[in-house]
Amino acid sequence: MLYTREIIQKIWDAQGYGNLAVWADGTTATIAPGETPEKGGKAPLAIFKPIPLVAGFSMLDFATHNTALLDHIETTIREAGGEIERD
């Protein structure tokens, strides 16, 4: 199961290192921009670009409690066919 705030924290941590790929089984990986990774022959559900999503927040807590950001993450995952829960 994927959890929204956990993904936001991982996006936050990926800032300056690359993008965050998220798979349906809950695994994530920081990847280079433009990279199209696979795990077990499966592409990720989503690849999030950290800077546009979380760089505007001065603290992680602000990002993890921002309704618009939470909704964006959940919508992206659900539209890709994944299941996500707000934790």
PDB file of N, CA and C in Angstrom:
ATOM      1  N   MET A   1       0.857  -1.185   0.000  1.00  0.00           N
ATOM      2  CA  MET A   1       0.000   0.000   0.000  1.00  0.00           C
ATOM      3  C   MET A   1       0.893   1.235   0.000  1.00  0.00           C
ATOM      4  N   LEU A   2       0.465   2.237  -0.732  1.00  0.00           N
ATOM      5  CA  LEU A   2       1.163   3.510  -0.770  1.00  0.00           C
ATOM      6  C   LEU A   2       0.496   4.477   0.200  1.00  0.00           C
ATOM      7  N   TYR A   3       1.300   5.328   0.826  1.00  0.00           N
ATOM      8  CA  TYR A   3       0.809   6.307   1.785  1.00  0.00           C
ATOM      9  C   TYR A   3       1.260   7.697   1.359  1.00  0.00           C
ATOM     10  N   THR A   4       0.327   8.608   1.299  1.00  0.00           N
ATOM     11  CA  THR A   4       0.569   9.931   0.739  1.00  0.00           C
ATOM     12  C   THR A   4       1.690  10.686   1.445  1.00  0.00           C
ATOM     13  N   ARG A   5       1.619  10.813   2.743  1.00  0.00           N
ATOM     14  CA  ARG A   5       2.629  11.604   3.464  1.00  0.00           C
ATOM     15  C   ARG A   5       4.008  10.951   3.398  1.00  0.00           C
ATOM     16  N   GLU A   6       4.052   9.650   3.348  1.00  0.00           N
ATOM     17  CA  GLU A   6       5.334   8.942   3.202  1.00  0.00           C
ATOM     18  C   GLU A   6       5.965   9.279   1.843  1.00  0.00           C
ATOM     19  N   ILE A   7       5.150   9.337   0.815  1.00  0.00           N
ATOM     20  CA  ILE A   7       5.660   9.692  -0.510  1.00  0.00           C
ATOM     21  C   ILE A   7       6.144  11.138  -0.518  1.00  0.00           C
ATOM     22  N   ILE A   8       5.396  12.038   0.117  1.00  0.00           N
ATOM     23  CA  ILE A   8       5.825  13.437   0.176  1.00  0.00           C
ATOM     24  C   ILE A   8       7.161  13.558   0.890  1.00  0.00           C
ATOM     25  N   GLN A   9       7.354  12.815   1.960  1.00  0.00           N
ATOM     26  CA  GLN A   9       8.639  12.853   2.661  1.00  0.00           C
ATOM     27  C   GLN A   9       9.764  12.366   1.751  1.00  0.00           C
ATOM     28  N   LYS A  10       9.510  11.331   0.979  1.00  0.00           N
ATOM     29  CA  LYS A  10      10.533  10.816   0.061  1.00  0.00           C
ATOM     30  C   LYS A  10      10.797  11.800  -1.071  1.00  0.00           C
ATOM     31  N   ILE A  11       9.748  12.488  -1.525  1.00  0.00           N
ATOM     32  CA  ILE A  11       9.941  13.534  -2.538  1.00  0.00           C
ATOM     33  C   ILE A  11      10.807  14.645  -1.949  1.00  0.00           C
ATOM     34  N   TRP A  12      10.525  15.025  -0.718  1.00  0.00           N
ATOM     35  CA  TRP A  12      11.287  16.055  -0.017  1.00  0.00           C
ATOM     36  C   TRP A  12      12.765  15.652   0.059  1.00  0.00           C
ATOM     37  N   ASP A  13      13.015  14.415   0.430  1.00  0.00           N
ATOM     38  CA  ASP A  13      14.384  13.912   0.572  1.00  0.00           C
ATOM     39  C   ASP A  13      15.118  13.823  -0.765  1.00  0.00           C
ATOM     40  N   ALA A  14      14.368  13.672  -1.861  1.00  0.00           N
ATOM     41  CA  ALA A  14      14.983  13.532  -3.184  1.00  0.00           C
ATOM     42  C   ALA A  14      15.412  14.868  -3.783  1.00  0.00           C
ATOM     43  N   GLN A  15      15.015  15.979  -3.177  1.00  0.00           N
ATOM     44  CA  GLN A  15      15.374  17.294  -3.702  1.00  0.00           C
ATOM     45  C   GLN A  15      16.886  17.402  -3.882  1.00  0.00           C
ATOM     46  N   GLY A  16      17.295  17.816  -5.051  1.00  0.00           N
ATOM     47  CA  GLY A  16      18.715  17.993  -5.317  1.00  0.00           C
ATOM     48  C   GLY A  16      19.419  16.723  -5.752  1.00  0.00           C
ATOM     49  N   TYR A  17      18.740  15.583  -5.689  1.00  0.00           N
ATOM     50  CA  TYR A  17      19.346  14.305  -6.056  1.00  0.00           C
ATOM     51  C   TYR A  17      18.737  13.707  -7.315  1.00  0.00           C
ATOM     52  N   GLY A  18      17.528  14.138  -7.678  1.00  0.00           N
ATOM     53  CA  GLY A  18      16.854  13.595  -8.855  1.00  0.00           C
ATOM     54  C   GLY A  18      15.363  13.540  -8.633  1.00  0.00           C
ATOM     55  N   ASN A  19      14.699  12.775  -9.465  1.00  0.00           N
ATOM     56  CA  ASN A  19      13.248  12.595  -9.375  1.00  0.00           C
ATOM     57  C   ASN A  19      12.935  11.351  -8.552  1.00  0.00           C
ATOM     58  N   LEU A  20      11.702  11.234  -8.115  1.00  0.00           N
ATOM     59  CA  LEU A  20      11.293  10.075  -7.312  1.00  0.00           C
ATOM     60  C   LEU A  20      10.339   9.200  -8.112  1.00  0.00           C
ATOM     61  N   ALA A  21      10.764   7.964  -8.368  1.00  0.00           N
ATOM     62  CA  ALA A  21       9.915   6.973  -9.040  1.00  0.00           C
ATOM     63  C   ALA A  21       9.180   6.174  -7.965  1.00  0.00           C
ATOM     64  N   VAL A  22       7.880   5.921  -8.192  1.00  0.00           N
ATOM     65  CA  VAL A  22       7.048   5.208  -7.225  1.00  0.00           C
ATOM     66  C   VAL A  22       6.366   4.037  -7.925  1.00  0.00           C
ATOM     67  N   TRP A  23       6.547   2.823  -7.376  1.00  0.00           N
ATOM     68  CA  TRP A  23       5.915   1.621  -7.920  1.00  0.00           C
ATOM     69  C   TRP A  23       4.710   1.231  -7.083  1.00  0.00           C
ATOM     70  N   ALA A  24       3.840   0.426  -7.652  1.00  0.00           N
ATOM     71  CA  ALA A  24       2.596   0.002  -6.998  1.00  0.00           C
ATOM     72  C   ALA A  24       2.829  -0.753  -5.696  1.00  0.00           C
ATOM     73  N   ASP A  25       3.961  -1.442  -5.580  1.00  0.00           N
ATOM     74  CA  ASP A  25       4.222  -2.216  -4.362  1.00  0.00           C
ATOM     75  C   ASP A  25       4.763  -1.358  -3.217  1.00  0.00           C
ATOM     76  N   GLY A  26       4.872  -0.057  -3.449  1.00  0.00           N
ATOM     77  CA  GLY A  26       5.337   0.848  -2.399  1.00  0.00           C
ATOM     78  C   GLY A  26       6.813   1.181  -2.459  1.00  0.00           C
ATOM     79  N   THR A  27       7.550   0.527  -3.335  1.00  0.00           N
ATOM     80  CA  THR A  27       8.964   0.849  -3.437  1.00  0.00           C
ATOM     81  C   THR A  27       9.150   2.156  -4.191  1.00  0.00           C
ATOM     82  N   THR A  28      10.221   2.842  -3.839  1.00  0.00           N
ATOM     83  CA  THR A  28      10.563   4.099  -4.489  1.00  0.00           C
ATOM     84  C   THR A  28      12.048   4.102  -4.798  1.00  0.00           C
ATOM     85  N   ALA A  29      12.438   4.969  -5.711  1.00  0.00           N
ATOM     86  CA  ALA A  29      13.856   5.135  -6.031  1.00  0.00           C
ATOM     87  C   ALA A  29      14.071   6.541  -6.547  1.00  0.00           C
ATOM     88  N   THR A  30      15.170   7.134  -6.123  1.00  0.00           N
ATOM     89  CA  THR A  30      15.571   8.420  -6.676  1.00  0.00           C
ATOM     90  C   THR A  30      16.284   8.132  -7.983  1.00  0.00           C
ATOM     91  N   ILE A  31      15.844   8.797  -9.044  1.00  0.00           N
ATOM     92  CA  ILE A  31      16.391   8.525 -10.371  1.00  0.00           C
ATOM     93  C   ILE A  31      16.850   9.823 -11.023  1.00  0.00           C
ATOM     94  N   ALA A  32      17.725   9.686 -11.995  1.00  0.00           N
ATOM     95  CA  ALA A  32      18.196  10.848 -12.741  1.00  0.00           C
ATOM     96  C   ALA A  32      17.069  11.376 -13.625  1.00  0.00           C
ATOM     97  N   PRO A  33      17.011  12.699 -13.819  1.00  0.00           N
ATOM     98  CA  PRO A  33      15.996  13.254 -14.713  1.00  0.00           C
ATOM     99  C   PRO A  33      16.089  12.611 -16.105  1.00  0.00           C
ATOM    100  N   GLY A  34      14.940  12.255 -16.642  1.00  0.00           N
ATOM    101  CA  GLY A  34      14.895  11.635 -17.960  1.00  0.00           C
ATOM    102  C   GLY A  34      15.056  10.125 -17.955  1.00  0.00           C
ATOM    103  N   GLU A  35      15.434   9.556 -16.832  1.00  0.00           N
ATOM    104  CA  GLU A  35      15.601   8.106 -16.718  1.00  0.00           C
ATOM    105  C   GLU A  35      14.222   7.435 -16.658  1.00  0.00           C
ATOM    106  N   THR A  36      14.079   6.276 -17.284  1.00  0.00           N
ATOM    107  CA  THR A  36      12.833   5.501 -17.232  1.00  0.00           C
ATOM    108  C   THR A  36      13.141   4.129 -16.647  1.00  0.00           C
ATOM    109  N   PRO A  37      13.101   4.035 -15.331  1.00  0.00           N
ATOM    110  CA  PRO A  37      13.476   2.800 -14.643  1.00  0.00           C
ATOM    111  C   PRO A  37      12.398   1.728 -14.703  1.00  0.00           C
ATOM    112  N   GLU A  38      12.826   0.511 -14.437  1.00  0.00           N
ATOM    113  CA  GLU A  38      11.907  -0.620 -14.286  1.00  0.00           C
ATOM    114  C   GLU A  38      12.374  -1.448 -13.098  1.00  0.00           C
ATOM    115  N   LYS A  39      11.427  -2.059 -12.413  1.00  0.00           N
ATOM    116  CA  LYS A  39      11.735  -3.008 -11.337  1.00  0.00           C
ATOM    117  C   LYS A  39      10.928  -4.254 -11.632  1.00  0.00           C
ATOM    118  N   GLY A  40      11.597  -5.342 -11.787  1.00  0.00           N
ATOM    119  CA  GLY A  40      10.908  -6.592 -12.098  1.00  0.00           C
ATOM    120  C   GLY A  40      10.155  -6.504 -13.417  1.00  0.00           C
ATOM    121  N   GLY A  41      10.671  -5.701 -14.345  1.00  0.00           N
ATOM    122  CA  GLY A  41      10.038  -5.550 -15.642  1.00  0.00           C
ATOM    123  C   GLY A  41       8.850  -4.603 -15.660  1.00  0.00           C
ATOM    124  N   LYS A  42       8.600  -3.937 -14.533  1.00  0.00           N
ATOM    125  CA  LYS A  42       7.458  -3.021 -14.460  1.00  0.00           C
ATOM    126  C   LYS A  42       7.929  -1.576 -14.330  1.00  0.00           C
ATOM    127  N   ALA A  43       7.280  -0.722 -15.088  1.00  0.00           N
ATOM    128  CA  ALA A  43       7.553   0.711 -15.002  1.00  0.00           C
ATOM    129  C   ALA A  43       6.898   1.268 -13.731  1.00  0.00           C
ATOM    130  N   PRO A  44       7.386   2.381 -13.215  1.00  0.00           N
ATOM    131  CA  PRO A  44       6.751   2.975 -12.038  1.00  0.00           C
ATOM    132  C   PRO A  44       5.372   3.539 -12.366  1.00  0.00           C
ATOM    133  N   LEU A  45       4.544   3.646 -11.336  1.00  0.00           N
ATOM    134  CA  LEU A  45       3.232   4.278 -11.493  1.00  0.00           C
ATOM    135  C   LEU A  45       3.400   5.757 -11.820  1.00  0.00           C
ATOM    136  N   ALA A  46       4.366   6.371 -11.164  1.00  0.00           N
ATOM    137  CA  ALA A  46       4.571   7.806 -11.325  1.00  0.00           C
ATOM    138  C   ALA A  46       6.031   8.159 -11.079  1.00  0.00           C
ATOM    139  N   ILE A  47       6.437   9.253 -11.698  1.00  0.00           N
ATOM    140  CA  ILE A  47       7.740   9.842 -11.419  1.00  0.00           C
ATOM    141  C   ILE A  47       7.474  11.291 -11.032  1.00  0.00           C
ATOM    142  N   PHE A  48       7.843  11.636  -9.806  1.00  0.00           N
ATOM    143  CA  PHE A  48       7.596  12.977  -9.279  1.00  0.00           C
ATOM    144  C   PHE A  48       8.870  13.810  -9.335  1.00  0.00           C
ATOM    145  N   LYS A  49       8.730  15.070  -9.735  1.00  0.00           N
ATOM    146  CA  LYS A  49       9.839  16.019  -9.766  1.00  0.00           C
ATOM    147  C   LYS A  49       9.775  16.837  -8.478  1.00  0.00           C
ATOM    148  N   PRO A  50      10.729  16.661  -7.579  1.00  0.00           N
ATOM    149  CA  PRO A  50      10.656  17.277  -6.253  1.00  0.00           C
ATOM    150  C   PRO A  50      10.622  18.802  -6.232  1.00  0.00           C
ATOM    151  N   ILE A  51      11.470  19.448  -7.001  1.00  0.00           N
ATOM    152  CA  ILE A  51      11.588  20.896  -6.889  1.00  0.00           C
ATOM    153  C   ILE A  51      10.246  21.607  -7.126  1.00  0.00           C
ATOM    154  N   PRO A  52       9.510  21.307  -8.203  1.00  0.00           N
ATOM    155  CA  PRO A  52       8.233  22.007  -8.381  1.00  0.00           C
ATOM    156  C   PRO A  52       7.184  21.646  -7.327  1.00  0.00           C
ATOM    157  N   LEU A  53       7.311  20.476  -6.721  1.00  0.00           N
ATOM    158  CA  LEU A  53       6.289  20.033  -5.764  1.00  0.00           C
ATOM    159  C   LEU A  53       6.523  20.536  -4.346  1.00  0.00           C
ATOM    160  N   VAL A  54       7.767  20.495  -3.867  1.00  0.00           N
ATOM    161  CA  VAL A  54       7.988  20.776  -2.446  1.00  0.00           C
ATOM    162  C   VAL A  54       8.986  21.884  -2.132  1.00  0.00           C
ATOM    163  N   ALA A  55       9.695  22.390  -3.109  1.00  0.00           N
ATOM    164  CA  ALA A  55      10.717  23.403  -2.825  1.00  0.00           C
ATOM    165  C   ALA A  55      10.138  24.696  -2.260  1.00  0.00           C
ATOM    166  N   GLY A  56       8.872  24.969  -2.528  1.00  0.00           N
ATOM    167  CA  GLY A  56       8.247  26.184  -2.019  1.00  0.00           C
ATOM    168  C   GLY A  56       7.860  26.134  -0.549  1.00  0.00           C
ATOM    169  N   PHE A  57       8.002  24.977   0.070  1.00  0.00           N
ATOM    170  CA  PHE A  57       7.664  24.833   1.486  1.00  0.00           C
ATOM    171  C   PHE A  57       8.932  24.990   2.320  1.00  0.00           C
ATOM    172  N   SER A  58       8.860  25.806   3.360  1.00  0.00           N
ATOM    173  CA  SER A  58      10.042  26.026   4.201  1.00  0.00           C
ATOM    174  C   SER A  58      10.320  24.864   5.154  1.00  0.00           C
ATOM    175  N   MET A  59       9.296  24.049   5.413  1.00  0.00           N
ATOM    176  CA  MET A  59       9.461  22.900   6.308  1.00  0.00           C
ATOM    177  C   MET A  59       8.679  21.717   5.758  1.00  0.00           C
ATOM    178  N   LEU A  60       9.183  20.513   6.029  1.00  0.00           N
ATOM    179  CA  LEU A  60       8.517  19.289   5.588  1.00  0.00           C
ATOM    180  C   LEU A  60       7.085  19.213   6.110  1.00  0.00           C
ATOM    181  N   ASP A  61       6.854  19.631   7.351  1.00  0.00           N
ATOM    182  CA  ASP A  61       5.501  19.576   7.925  1.00  0.00           C
ATOM    183  C   ASP A  61       4.497  20.385   7.115  1.00  0.00           C
ATOM    184  N   PHE A  62       4.934  21.506   6.553  1.00  0.00           N
ATOM    185  CA  PHE A  62       4.037  22.310   5.728  1.00  0.00           C
ATOM    186  C   PHE A  62       3.650  21.541   4.473  1.00  0.00           C
ATOM    187  N   ALA A  63       4.606  20.829   3.896  1.00  0.00           N
ATOM    188  CA  ALA A  63       4.336  20.048   2.685  1.00  0.00           C
ATOM    189  C   ALA A  63       3.414  18.872   2.985  1.00  0.00           C
ATOM    190  N   THR A  64       3.660  18.169   4.079  1.00  0.00           N
ATOM    191  CA  THR A  64       2.866  16.974   4.382  1.00  0.00           C
ATOM    192  C   THR A  64       1.451  17.295   4.855  1.00  0.00           C
ATOM    193  N   HIS A  65       1.169  18.560   5.111  1.00  0.00           N
ATOM    194  CA  HIS A  65      -0.175  18.946   5.540  1.00  0.00           C
ATOM    195  C   HIS A  65      -0.853  19.887   4.548  1.00  0.00           C
ATOM    196  N   ASN A  66      -0.274  20.033   3.376  1.00  0.00           N
ATOM    197  CA  ASN A  66      -0.849  20.882   2.348  1.00  0.00           C
ATOM    198  C   ASN A  66      -1.873  20.070   1.554  1.00  0.00           C
ATOM    199  N   THR A  67      -3.128  20.460   1.656  1.00  0.00           N
ATOM    200  CA  THR A  67      -4.205  19.704   1.027  1.00  0.00           C
ATOM    201  C   THR A  67      -4.039  19.584  -0.483  1.00  0.00           C
ATOM    202  N   ALA A  68      -3.632  20.652  -1.132  1.00  0.00           N
ATOM    203  CA  ALA A  68      -3.463  20.610  -2.594  1.00  0.00           C
ATOM    204  C   ALA A  68      -2.373  19.623  -2.998  1.00  0.00           C
ATOM    205  N   LEU A  69      -1.274  19.594  -2.252  1.00  0.00           N
ATOM    206  CA  LEU A  69      -0.189  18.659  -2.555  1.00  0.00           C
ATOM    207  C   LEU A  69      -0.630  17.218  -2.283  1.00  0.00           C
ATOM    208  N   LEU A  70      -1.307  16.993  -1.169  1.00  0.00           N
ATOM    209  CA  LEU A  70      -1.812  15.654  -0.847  1.00  0.00           C
ATOM    210  C   LEU A  70      -2.734  15.162  -1.955  1.00  0.00           C
ATOM    211  N   ASP A  71      -3.651  16.024  -2.374  1.00  0.00           N
ATOM    212  CA  ASP A  71      -4.597  15.657  -3.438  1.00  0.00           C
ATOM    213  C   ASP A  71      -3.870  15.364  -4.743  1.00  0.00           C
ATOM    214  N   HIS A  72      -2.859  16.167  -5.078  1.00  0.00           N
ATOM    215  CA  HIS A  72      -2.106  15.966  -6.322  1.00  0.00           C
ATOM    216  C   HIS A  72      -1.409  14.600  -6.337  1.00  0.00           C
ATOM    217  N   ILE A  73      -0.765  14.249  -5.248  1.00  0.00           N
ATOM    218  CA  ILE A  73      -0.060  12.958  -5.153  1.00  0.00           C
ATOM    219  C   ILE A  73      -1.066  11.815  -5.290  1.00  0.00           C
ATOM    220  N   GLU A  74      -2.167  11.895  -4.557  1.00  0.00           N
ATOM    221  CA  GLU A  74      -3.175  10.833  -4.583  1.00  0.00           C
ATOM    222  C   GLU A  74      -3.814  10.698  -5.963  1.00  0.00           C
ATOM    223  N   THR A  75      -4.136  11.800  -6.582  1.00  0.00           N
ATOM    224  CA  THR A  75      -4.737  11.761  -7.918  1.00  0.00           C
ATOM    225  C   THR A  75      -3.783  11.144  -8.925  1.00  0.00           C
ATOM    226  N   THR A  76      -2.525  11.535  -8.872  1.00  0.00           N
ATOM    227  CA  THR A  76      -1.522  11.002  -9.803  1.00  0.00           C
ATOM    228  C   THR A  76      -1.409   9.491  -9.674  1.00  0.00           C
ATOM    229  N   ILE A  77      -1.331   8.994  -8.451  1.00  0.00           N
ATOM    230  CA  ILE A  77      -1.194   7.553  -8.213  1.00  0.00           C
ATOM    231  C   ILE A  77      -2.464   6.823  -8.644  1.00  0.00           C
ATOM    232  N   ARG A  78      -3.617   7.337  -8.275  1.00  0.00           N
ATOM    233  CA  ARG A  78      -4.877   6.664  -8.633  1.00  0.00           C
ATOM    234  C   ARG A  78      -5.109   6.645 -10.137  1.00  0.00           C
ATOM    235  N   GLU A  79      -4.799   7.739 -10.808  1.00  0.00           N
ATOM    236  CA  GLU A  79      -4.975   7.779 -12.266  1.00  0.00           C
ATOM    237  C   GLU A  79      -4.042   6.810 -12.984  1.00  0.00           C
ATOM    238  N   ALA A  80      -2.940   6.448 -12.331  1.00  0.00           N
ATOM    239  CA  ALA A  80      -2.005   5.479 -12.906  1.00  0.00           C
ATOM    240  C   ALA A  80      -2.413   4.042 -12.571  1.00  0.00           C
ATOM    241  N   GLY A  81      -3.512   3.879 -11.824  1.00  0.00           N
ATOM    242  CA  GLY A  81      -3.998   2.543 -11.488  1.00  0.00           C
ATOM    243  C   GLY A  81      -3.541   2.038 -10.139  1.00  0.00           C
ATOM    244  N   GLY A  82      -2.906   2.881  -9.342  1.00  0.00           N
ATOM    245  CA  GLY A  82      -2.415   2.463  -8.030  1.00  0.00           C
ATOM    246  C   GLY A  82      -3.406   2.755  -6.926  1.00  0.00           C
ATOM    247  N   GLU A  83      -3.118   2.212  -5.767  1.00  0.00           N
ATOM    248  CA  GLU A  83      -3.921   2.448  -4.583  1.00  0.00           C
ATOM    249  C   GLU A  83      -3.085   3.233  -3.589  1.00  0.00           C
ATOM    250  N   ILE A  84      -3.692   4.254  -3.010  1.00  0.00           N
ATOM    251  CA  ILE A  84      -2.973   5.087  -2.058  1.00  0.00           C
ATOM    252  C   ILE A  84      -3.915   5.481  -0.930  1.00  0.00           C
ATOM    253  N   GLU A  85      -3.340   5.646   0.241  1.00  0.00           N
ATOM    254  CA  GLU A  85      -4.117   5.989   1.427  1.00  0.00           C
ATOM    255  C   GLU A  85      -3.463   7.170   2.100  1.00  0.00           C
ATOM    256  N   ARG A  86      -4.274   8.104   2.561  1.00  0.00           N
ATOM    257  CA  ARG A  86      -3.737   9.259   3.287  1.00  0.00           C
ATOM    258  C   ARG A  86      -3.427   8.818   4.710  1.00  0.00           C
ATOM    259  N   ASP A  87      -2.180   8.882   5.073  1.00  0.00           N
ATOM    260  CA  ASP A  87      -1.735   8.448   6.405  1.00  0.00           C
ATOM    261  C   ASP A  87      -1.598   9.607   7.351  1.00  0.00           C
TER     262      ASP A  87
END
